[in-house]
C-alpha atoms as a PDB file:
ATOM      1  CA  UNK A   1     -39.181-103.129 -43.391  1.00  0.00           C
ATOM      2  CA  UNK A   2     -37.355-105.166 -46.442  1.00  0.00           C
ATOM      3  CA  UNK A   3     -40.291-105.447 -49.133  1.00  0.00           C
ATOM      4  CA  UNK A   4     -40.551-109.050 -50.926  1.00  0.00           C
ATOM      5  CA  UNK A   5     -42.045-109.681 -54.213  1.00  0.00           C
ATOM      6  CA  UNK A   6     -44.907-112.357 -54.228  1.00  0.00           C
ATOM      7  CA  UNK A   7     -45.343-115.104 -56.217  1.00  0.00           C
ATOM      8  CA  UNK A   8     -47.772-114.077 -58.890  1.00  0.00           C
ATOM      9  CA  UNK A   9     -49.379-116.103 -61.873  1.00  0.00           C
ATOM     10  CA  UNK A  10     -51.223-115.135 -64.957  1.00  0.00           C
ATOM     11  CA  UNK A  11     -52.919-116.241 -68.115  1.00  0.00           C
ATOM     12  CA  UNK A  12     -54.944-114.119 -71.140  1.00  0.00           C
ATOM     13  CA  UNK A  13     -57.982-114.443 -73.336  1.00  0.00           C
ATOM     14  CA  UNK A  14     -58.370-111.923 -76.144  1.00  0.00           C
ATOM     15  CA  UNK A  15     -59.633-108.983 -74.466  1.00  0.00           C
ATOM     16  CA  UNK A  16     -58.622-109.942 -70.838  1.00  0.00           C
ATOM     17  CA  UNK A  17     -55.294-110.445 -68.520  1.00  0.00           C
ATOM     18  CA  UNK A  18     -55.897-112.222 -65.978  1.00  0.00           C
ATOM     19  CA  UNK A  19     -53.366-111.914 -62.826  1.00  0.00           C
ATOM     20  CA  UNK A  20     -53.288-113.356 -59.281  1.00  0.00           C
ATOM     21  CA  UNK A  21     -50.889-112.496 -56.614  1.00  0.00           C
ATOM     22  CA  UNK A  22     -50.787-115.301 -54.488  1.00  0.00           C
ATOM     23  CA  UNK A  23     -50.896-113.616 -50.739  1.00  0.00           C
ATOM     24  CA  UNK A  24     -52.859-114.996 -47.642  1.00  0.00           C
ATOM     25  CA  UNK A  25     -55.365-112.479 -45.942  1.00  0.00           C
ATOM     26  CA  UNK A  26     -53.556-109.255 -47.499  1.00  0.00           C
ATOM     27  CA  UNK A  27     -53.398-105.943 -45.702  1.00  0.00           C
ATOM     28  CA  UNK A  28     -52.873-102.176 -46.167  1.00  0.00           C
ATOM     29  CA  UNK A  29     -53.179-102.948 -50.097  1.00  0.00           C
ATOM     30  CA  UNK A  30     -51.721-100.014 -52.346  1.00  0.00           C
ATOM     31  CA  UNK A  31     -52.560-100.623 -55.953  1.00  0.00           C
ATOM     32  CA  UNK A  32     -52.110 -98.395 -59.038  1.00  0.00           C
ATOM     33  CA  UNK A  33     -52.834 -99.728 -62.709  1.00  0.00           C
ATOM     34  CA  UNK A  34     -52.173 -97.113 -65.448  1.00  0.00           C
ATOM     35  CA  UNK A  35     -52.374 -97.996 -69.506  1.00  0.00           C
ATOM     36  CA  UNK A  36     -49.025 -99.237 -69.152  1.00  0.00           C
ATOM     37  CA  UNK A  37     -47.877-100.122 -65.577  1.00  0.00           C
ATOM     38  CA  UNK A  38     -49.241-101.858 -62.505  1.00  0.00           C
ATOM     39  CA  UNK A  39     -48.132-101.899 -59.067  1.00  0.00           C
ATOM     40  CA  UNK A  40     -48.896-103.548 -56.061  1.00  0.00           C
ATOM     41  CA  UNK A  41     -48.030-103.257 -52.305  1.00  0.00           C
ATOM     42  CA  UNK A  42     -49.506-105.250 -49.206  1.00  0.00           C
ATOM     43  CA  UNK A  43     -48.944-106.708 -45.543  1.00  0.00           C
ATOM     44  CA  UNK A  44     -49.108-110.403 -45.868  1.00  0.00           C
ATOM     45  CA  UNK A  45     -50.968-112.033 -42.788  1.00  0.00           C
ATOM     46  CA  UNK A  46     -47.911-114.556 -42.117  1.00  0.00           C
ATOM     47  CA  UNK A  47     -45.768-112.539 -39.902  1.00  0.00           C
ATOM     48  CA  UNK A  48     -46.371-109.445 -41.352  1.00  0.00           C
ATOM     49  CA  UNK A  49     -44.135-109.006 -44.080  1.00  0.00           C
ATOM     50  CA  UNK A  50     -44.470-106.635 -46.713  1.00  0.00           C
ATOM     51  CA  UNK A  51     -44.850-107.452 -50.380  1.00  0.00           C
ATOM     52  CA  UNK A  52     -44.722-105.066 -53.656  1.00  0.00           C
ATOM     53  CA  UNK A  53     -43.687-105.147 -57.222  1.00  0.00           C
ATOM     54  CA  UNK A  54     -44.099-102.875 -60.281  1.00  0.00           C
ATOM     55  CA  UNK A  55     -44.194-104.242 -64.051  1.00  0.00           C
ATOM     56  CA  UNK A  56     -44.449-102.540 -67.247  1.00  0.00           C
ATOM     57  CA  UNK A  57     -46.815-104.008 -69.608  1.00  0.00           C
ATOM     58  CA  UNK A  58     -46.051-105.969 -73.046  1.00  0.00           C
ATOM     59  CA  UNK A  59     -48.843-103.821 -74.417  1.00  0.00           C
ATOM     60  CA  UNK A  60     -51.528-101.045 -73.150  1.00  0.00           C
ATOM     61  CA  UNK A  61     -54.626-101.810 -70.963  1.00  0.00           C
ATOM     62  CA  UNK A  62     -57.362 -99.952 -70.269  1.00  0.00           C
ATOM     63  CA  UNK A  63     -57.786 -99.309 -66.209  1.00  0.00           C
ATOM     64  CA  UNK A  64     -61.235 -97.722 -66.241  1.00  0.00           C
ATOM     65  CA  UNK A  65     -62.897-101.358 -67.366  1.00  0.00           C
ATOM     66  CA  UNK A  66     -60.327-103.498 -65.222  1.00  0.00           C
ATOM     67  CA  UNK A  67     -61.513-105.005 -61.917  1.00  0.00           C
ATOM     68  CA  UNK A  68     -59.873-106.461 -59.009  1.00  0.00           C
ATOM     69  CA  UNK A  69     -60.800-108.170 -55.794  1.00  0.00           C
ATOM     70  CA  UNK A  70     -59.424-109.214 -52.353  1.00  0.00           C
ATOM     71  CA  UNK A  71     -59.574-113.370 -51.830  1.00  0.00           C
ATOM     72  CA  UNK A  72     -58.704-115.431 -48.317  1.00  0.00           C
ATOM     73  CA  UNK A  73     -55.595-116.581 -50.201  1.00  0.00           C
ATOM     74  CA  UNK A  74     -54.827-114.264 -52.734  1.00  0.00           C
ATOM     75  CA  UNK A  75     -55.557-111.317 -55.064  1.00  0.00           C
ATOM     76  CA  UNK A  76     -57.242-111.317 -58.183  1.00  0.00           C
ATOM     77  CA  UNK A  77     -57.006-108.775 -60.932  1.00  0.00           C
ATOM     78  CA  UNK A  78     -58.990-109.008 -64.520  1.00  0.00           C
ATOM     79  CA  UNK A  79     -57.300-106.142 -66.472  1.00  0.00           C
ATOM     80  CA  UNK A  80     -58.415-105.221 -69.980  1.00  0.00           C
ATOM     81  CA  UNK A  81     -56.443-104.822 -72.972  1.00  0.00           C
ATOM     82  CA  UNK A  82     -56.616-101.617 -75.007  1.00  0.00           C
ATOM     83  CA  UNK A  83     -56.413-103.580 -78.185  1.00  0.00           C
ATOM     84  CA  UNK A  84     -59.097-106.565 -77.982  1.00  0.00           C
ATOM     85  CA  UNK A  85     -58.199-107.140 -81.802  1.00  0.00           C
ATOM     86  CA  UNK A  86     -54.690-107.762 -81.587  1.00  0.00           C
ATOM     87  CA  UNK A  87     -52.985-111.436 -80.891  1.00  0.00           C
ATOM     88  CA  UNK A  88     -52.268-112.869 -77.698  1.00  0.00           C
ATOM     89  CA  UNK A  89     -49.228-111.207 -75.848  1.00  0.00           C
ATOM     90  CA  UNK A  90     -45.944-113.070 -75.819  1.00  0.00           C
ATOM     91  CA  UNK A  91     -44.848-111.947 -72.496  1.00  0.00           C
ATOM     92  CA  UNK A  92     -46.778-110.205 -69.722  1.00  0.00           C
ATOM     93  CA  UNK A  93     -44.297-107.649 -68.914  1.00  0.00           C
ATOM     94  CA  UNK A  94     -42.382-105.884 -71.430  1.00  0.00           C
ATOM     95  CA  UNK A  95     -38.626-106.688 -70.671  1.00  0.00           C
ATOM     96  CA  UNK A  96     -39.535-110.463 -70.848  1.00  0.00           C
ATOM     97  CA  UNK A  97     -40.030-113.447 -68.121  1.00  0.00           C
ATOM     98  CA  UNK A  98     -39.731-112.884 -64.791  1.00  0.00           C
ATOM     99  CA  UNK A  99     -38.729-115.875 -62.277  1.00  0.00           C
ATOM    100  CA  UNK A 100     -41.414-114.479 -59.849  1.00  0.00           C
ATOM    101  CA  UNK A 101     -44.303-114.552 -62.880  1.00  0.00           C
ATOM    102  CA  UNK A 102     -45.657-118.076 -63.734  1.00  0.00           C
ATOM    103  CA  UNK A 103     -48.520-119.356 -66.032  1.00  0.00           C
ATOM    104  CA  UNK A 104     -52.112-119.795 -64.252  1.00  0.00           C
ATOM    105  CA  UNK A 105     -52.238-123.767 -65.748  1.00  0.00           C
ATOM    106  CA  UNK A 106     -55.837-123.917 -64.269  1.00  0.00           C
ATOM    107  CA  UNK A 107     -57.569-121.215 -66.156  1.00  0.00           C
ATOM    108  CA  UNK A 108     -55.157-121.002 -68.996  1.00  0.00           C
ATOM    109  CA  UNK A 109     -56.455-121.478 -72.768  1.00  0.00           C
ATOM    110  CA  UNK A 110     -54.577-121.660 -76.041  1.00  0.00           C
ATOM    111  CA  UNK A 111     -55.152-118.636 -78.369  1.00  0.00           C
ATOM    112  CA  UNK A 112     -56.393-121.129 -80.975  1.00  0.00           C
ATOM    113  CA  UNK A 113     -59.169-122.853 -78.744  1.00  0.00           C
ATOM    114  CA  UNK A 114     -60.518-119.589 -76.920  1.00  0.00           C
ATOM    115  CA  UNK A 115     -63.247-119.703 -79.416  1.00  0.00           C
ATOM    116  CA  UNK A 116     -63.767-123.371 -79.753  1.00  0.00           C
ATOM    117  CA  UNK A 117     -66.685-125.225 -78.257  1.00  0.00           C
ATOM    118  CA  UNK A 118     -64.072-126.323 -75.220  1.00  0.00           C
ATOM    119  CA  UNK A 119     -64.002-123.060 -73.772  1.00  0.00           C
ATOM    120  CA  UNK A 120     -66.590-122.612 -71.556  1.00  0.00           C
ATOM    121  CA  UNK A 121     -65.611-118.546 -71.299  1.00  0.00           C
ATOM    122  CA  UNK A 122     -67.987-115.510 -72.096  1.00  0.00           C
ATOM    123  CA  UNK A 123     -67.267-112.058 -73.282  1.00  0.00           C
ATOM    124  CA  UNK A 124     -69.762-111.395 -70.413  1.00  0.00           C
ATOM    125  CA  UNK A 125     -68.068-113.276 -67.691  1.00  0.00           C
ATOM    126  CA  UNK A 126     -64.346-113.986 -69.004  1.00  0.00           C
ATOM    127  CA  UNK A 127     -62.711-117.074 -66.992  1.00  0.00           C
ATOM    128  CA  UNK A 128     -66.098-117.860 -65.443  1.00  0.00           C
ATOM    129  CA  UNK A 129     -65.219-115.205 -62.457  1.00  0.00           C
ATOM    130  CA  UNK A 130     -68.033-114.119 -59.916  1.00  0.00           C
ATOM    131  CA  UNK A 131     -67.879-110.425 -61.054  1.00  0.00           C
ATOM    132  CA  UNK A 132     -70.029-109.145 -58.240  1.00  0.00           C
ATOM    133  CA  UNK A 133     -67.028-109.334 -55.684  1.00  0.00           C
ATOM    134  CA  UNK A 134     -64.878-107.152 -57.992  1.00  0.00           C
ATOM    135  CA  UNK A 135     -64.188-103.441 -57.750  1.00  0.00           C
ATOM    136  CA  UNK A 136     -63.462-100.984 -60.560  1.00  0.00           C
ATOM    137  CA  UNK A 137     -59.480 -99.541 -60.381  1.00  0.00           C
ATOM    138  CA  UNK A 138     -60.833 -96.084 -60.259  1.00  0.00           C
ATOM    139  CA  UNK A 139     -62.115 -97.049 -56.676  1.00  0.00           C
ATOM    140  CA  UNK A 140     -58.661 -97.882 -55.744  1.00  0.00           C
ATOM    141  CA  UNK A 141     -56.692 -95.127 -57.518  1.00  0.00           C
ATOM    142  CA  UNK A 142     -56.429 -92.570 -59.955  1.00  0.00           C
ATOM    143  CA  UNK A 143     -56.811 -93.264 -63.690  1.00  0.00           C
ATOM    144  CA  UNK A 144     -53.906 -92.531 -66.120  1.00  0.00           C
ATOM    145  CA  UNK A 145     -55.690 -89.150 -67.160  1.00  0.00           C
ATOM    146  CA  UNK A 146     -56.619 -88.073 -63.385  1.00  0.00           C
ATOM    147  CA  UNK A 147     -52.948 -88.835 -62.507  1.00  0.00           C
ATOM    148  CA  UNK A 148     -51.634 -86.347 -65.425  1.00  0.00           C
ATOM    149  CA  UNK A 149     -54.732 -84.079 -63.850  1.00  0.00           C
ATOM    150  CA  UNK A 150     -53.478 -84.142 -60.516  1.00  0.00           C
ATOM    151  CA  UNK A 151     -49.861 -83.934 -61.306  1.00  0.00           C
ATOM    152  CA  UNK A 152     -51.006 -80.645 -63.791  1.00  0.00           C
ATOM    153  CA  UNK A 153     -53.015 -79.295 -60.310  1.00  0.00           C
ATOM    154  CA  UNK A 154     -49.641 -79.694 -57.991  1.00  0.00           C
ATOM    155  CA  UNK A 155     -47.769 -78.079 -61.143  1.00  0.00           C
ATOM    156  CA  UNK A 156     -50.144 -74.901 -60.882  1.00  0.00           C
ATOM    157  CA  UNK A 157     -50.026 -74.855 -57.370  1.00  0.00           C
ATOM    158  CA  UNK A 158     -46.102 -75.084 -57.146  1.00  0.00           C
ATOM    159  CA  UNK A 159     -46.053 -72.305 -59.913  1.00  0.00           C
ATOM    160  CA  UNK A 160     -48.727 -70.347 -57.808  1.00  0.00           C
ATOM    161  CA  UNK A 161     -46.882 -70.804 -54.422  1.00  0.00           C
ATOM    162  CA  UNK A 162     -43.620 -69.574 -56.380  1.00  0.00           C
ATOM    163  CA  UNK A 163     -45.387 -66.530 -57.507  1.00  0.00           C
ATOM    164  CA  UNK A 164     -47.088 -65.979 -54.328  1.00  0.00           C
ATOM    165  CA  UNK A 165     -43.292 -66.224 -52.642  1.00  0.00           C
ATOM    166  CA  UNK A 166     -42.003 -63.926 -55.237  1.00  0.00           C
ATOM    167  CA  UNK A 167     -44.530 -61.448 -54.277  1.00  0.00           C
ATOM    168  CA  UNK A 168     -44.021 -61.793 -50.617  1.00  0.00           C
ATOM    169  CA  UNK A 169     -40.229 -61.483 -51.224  1.00  0.00           C
ATOM    170  CA  UNK A 170     -40.563 -58.176 -53.280  1.00  0.00           C
ATOM    171  CA  UNK A 171     -42.738 -56.870 -50.537  1.00  0.00           C
ATOM    172  CA  UNK A 172     -40.685 -57.442 -47.864  1.00  0.00           C
ATOM    173  CA  UNK A 173     -37.912 -55.835 -49.766  1.00  0.00           C
ATOM    174  CA  UNK A 174     -39.921 -52.980 -50.570  1.00  0.00           C
ATOM    175  CA  UNK A 175     -40.588 -52.899 -46.600  1.00  0.00           C
ATOM    176  CA  UNK A 176     -36.871 -52.862 -45.839  1.00  0.00           C
ATOM    177  CA  UNK A 177     -36.329 -50.517 -48.739  1.00  0.00           C
ATOM    178  CA  UNK A 178     -39.124 -48.039 -47.094  1.00  0.00           C
ATOM    179  CA  UNK A 179     -37.818 -48.940 -43.534  1.00  0.00           C
ATOM    180  CA  UNK A 180     -34.160 -47.683 -44.501  1.00  0.00           C
ATOM    181  CA  UNK A 181     -35.697 -44.685 -46.135  1.00  0.00           C
ATOM    182  CA  UNK A 182     -37.043 -43.722 -43.275  1.00  0.00           C
ATOM    183  CA  UNK A 183     -34.543 -44.382 -41.169  1.00  0.00           C
ATOM    184  CA  UNK A 184     -32.171 -42.287 -43.403  1.00  0.00           C
ATOM    185  CA  UNK A 185     -34.764 -39.623 -43.472  1.00  0.00           C
ATOM    186  CA  UNK A 186     -34.847 -39.824 -39.258  1.00  0.00           C
ATOM    187  CA  UNK A 187     -30.999 -39.593 -38.889  1.00  0.00           C
ATOM    188  CA  UNK A 188     -31.145 -36.698 -41.608  1.00  0.00           C
ATOM    189  CA  UNK A 189     -33.678 -35.116 -39.701  1.00  0.00           C
ATOM    190  CA  UNK A 190     -31.624 -35.652 -36.232  1.00  0.00           C
ATOM    191  CA  UNK A 191     -28.431 -34.318 -38.236  1.00  0.00           C
ATOM    192  CA  UNK A 192     -30.095 -30.994 -39.094  1.00  0.00           C
ATOM    193  CA  UNK A 193     -31.836 -30.384 -35.989  1.00  0.00           C
ATOM    194  CA  UNK A 194     -28.555 -30.921 -34.203  1.00  0.00           C
ATOM    195  CA  UNK A 195     -26.829 -28.353 -36.490  1.00  0.00           C
ATOM    196  CA  UNK A 196     -29.801 -26.206 -35.993  1.00  0.00           C
ATOM    197  CA  UNK A 197     -28.865 -26.408 -32.534  1.00  0.00           C
ATOM    198  CA  UNK A 198     -25.431 -25.477 -32.960  1.00  0.00           C
ATOM    199  CA  UNK A 199     -25.868 -22.620 -34.724  1.00  0.00           C
ATOM    200  CA  UNK A 200     -28.237 -21.481 -31.918  1.00  0.00           C
ATOM    201  CA  UNK A 201     -25.801 -22.102 -29.535  1.00  0.00           C
ATOM    202  CA  UNK A 202     -23.093 -20.583 -31.401  1.00  0.00           C
ATOM    203  CA  UNK A 203     -25.318 -17.306 -32.176  1.00  0.00           C
ATOM    204  CA  UNK A 204     -25.929 -17.042 -28.370  1.00  0.00           C
ATOM    205  CA  UNK A 205     -22.065 -17.301 -27.478  1.00  0.00           C
ATOM    206  CA  UNK A 206     -21.580 -14.703 -30.382  1.00  0.00           C
ATOM    207  CA  UNK A 207     -24.257 -12.507 -28.798  1.00  0.00           C
ATOM    208  CA  UNK A 208     -22.893 -12.760 -25.327  1.00  0.00           C
ATOM    209  CA  UNK A 209     -19.174 -12.174 -26.427  1.00  0.00           C
ATOM    210  CA  UNK A 210     -20.604  -8.880 -28.043  1.00  0.00           C
ATOM    211  CA  UNK A 211     -22.108  -7.755 -25.450  1.00  0.00           C
ATOM    212  CA  UNK A 212     -18.863  -8.251 -22.947  1.00  0.00           C
ATOM    213  CA  UNK A 213     -16.591  -6.660 -25.569  1.00  0.00           C
ATOM    214  CA  UNK A 214     -18.865  -3.156 -25.167  1.00  0.00           C
ATOM    215  CA  UNK A 215     -17.173  -0.424 -22.983  1.00  0.00           C
ATOM    216  CA  UNK A 216     -18.861   0.338 -19.980  1.00  0.00           C
ATOM    217  CA  UNK A 217     -20.282   4.184 -19.321  1.00  0.00           C
ATOM    218  CA  UNK A 218     -18.260   6.287 -17.450  1.00  0.00           C
ATOM    219  CA  UNK A 219     -19.820   8.257 -14.647  1.00  0.00           C
ATOM    220  CA  UNK A 220     -19.968  11.886 -14.942  1.00  0.00           C
ATOM    221  CA  UNK A 221     -17.200  13.629 -12.622  1.00  0.00           C
ATOM    222  CA  UNK A 222     -18.100  16.951 -10.757  1.00  0.00           C
ATOM    223  CA  UNK A 223     -15.448  19.007  -9.881  1.00  0.00           C
END
């Protein structure tokens, strides 16, 4: 199945990145957020087409305090910036502009206007979103630390399996050696037994020969 890239819109505040994936009734979503990367996969309701993309952020984010929510016509992501004291990002992605990512002009606020009276945003409720519908990212995928821990566990498991395989191989080799040694001993015993039988046969043969070689006792003659 060919994966298409969906249309994405975004804007930002001092502390947050607001990302919206424009897909209707998305199903089978797979979402992953780390401090530097974001990936999304899902199937759209129209023609059951698979969509997906991955981006590297311009700056680091905090996955643990970020949130997301599936709506009827799009998927919302409220991503917390790691450095909340920094200036507005110039681009969402580290490698600059992408033709399928546009500015969300409905929620756009200029950096100089964010703290002005004209903005209705609050720190508790950025961009006036209904946060009751949002989930934490840790409910979707593991955080970066958890991913590292998981990778570490996998590595340890692989090392353990390699050791067990090595021990198993060594045990198998030892079994083969013992079997070979046993076979050799058996062959040697068989050979000795054969030699012993051969010596017995020769001894019997020699004994019969010596008996037949003895002169017969002549009977006494009477004159």
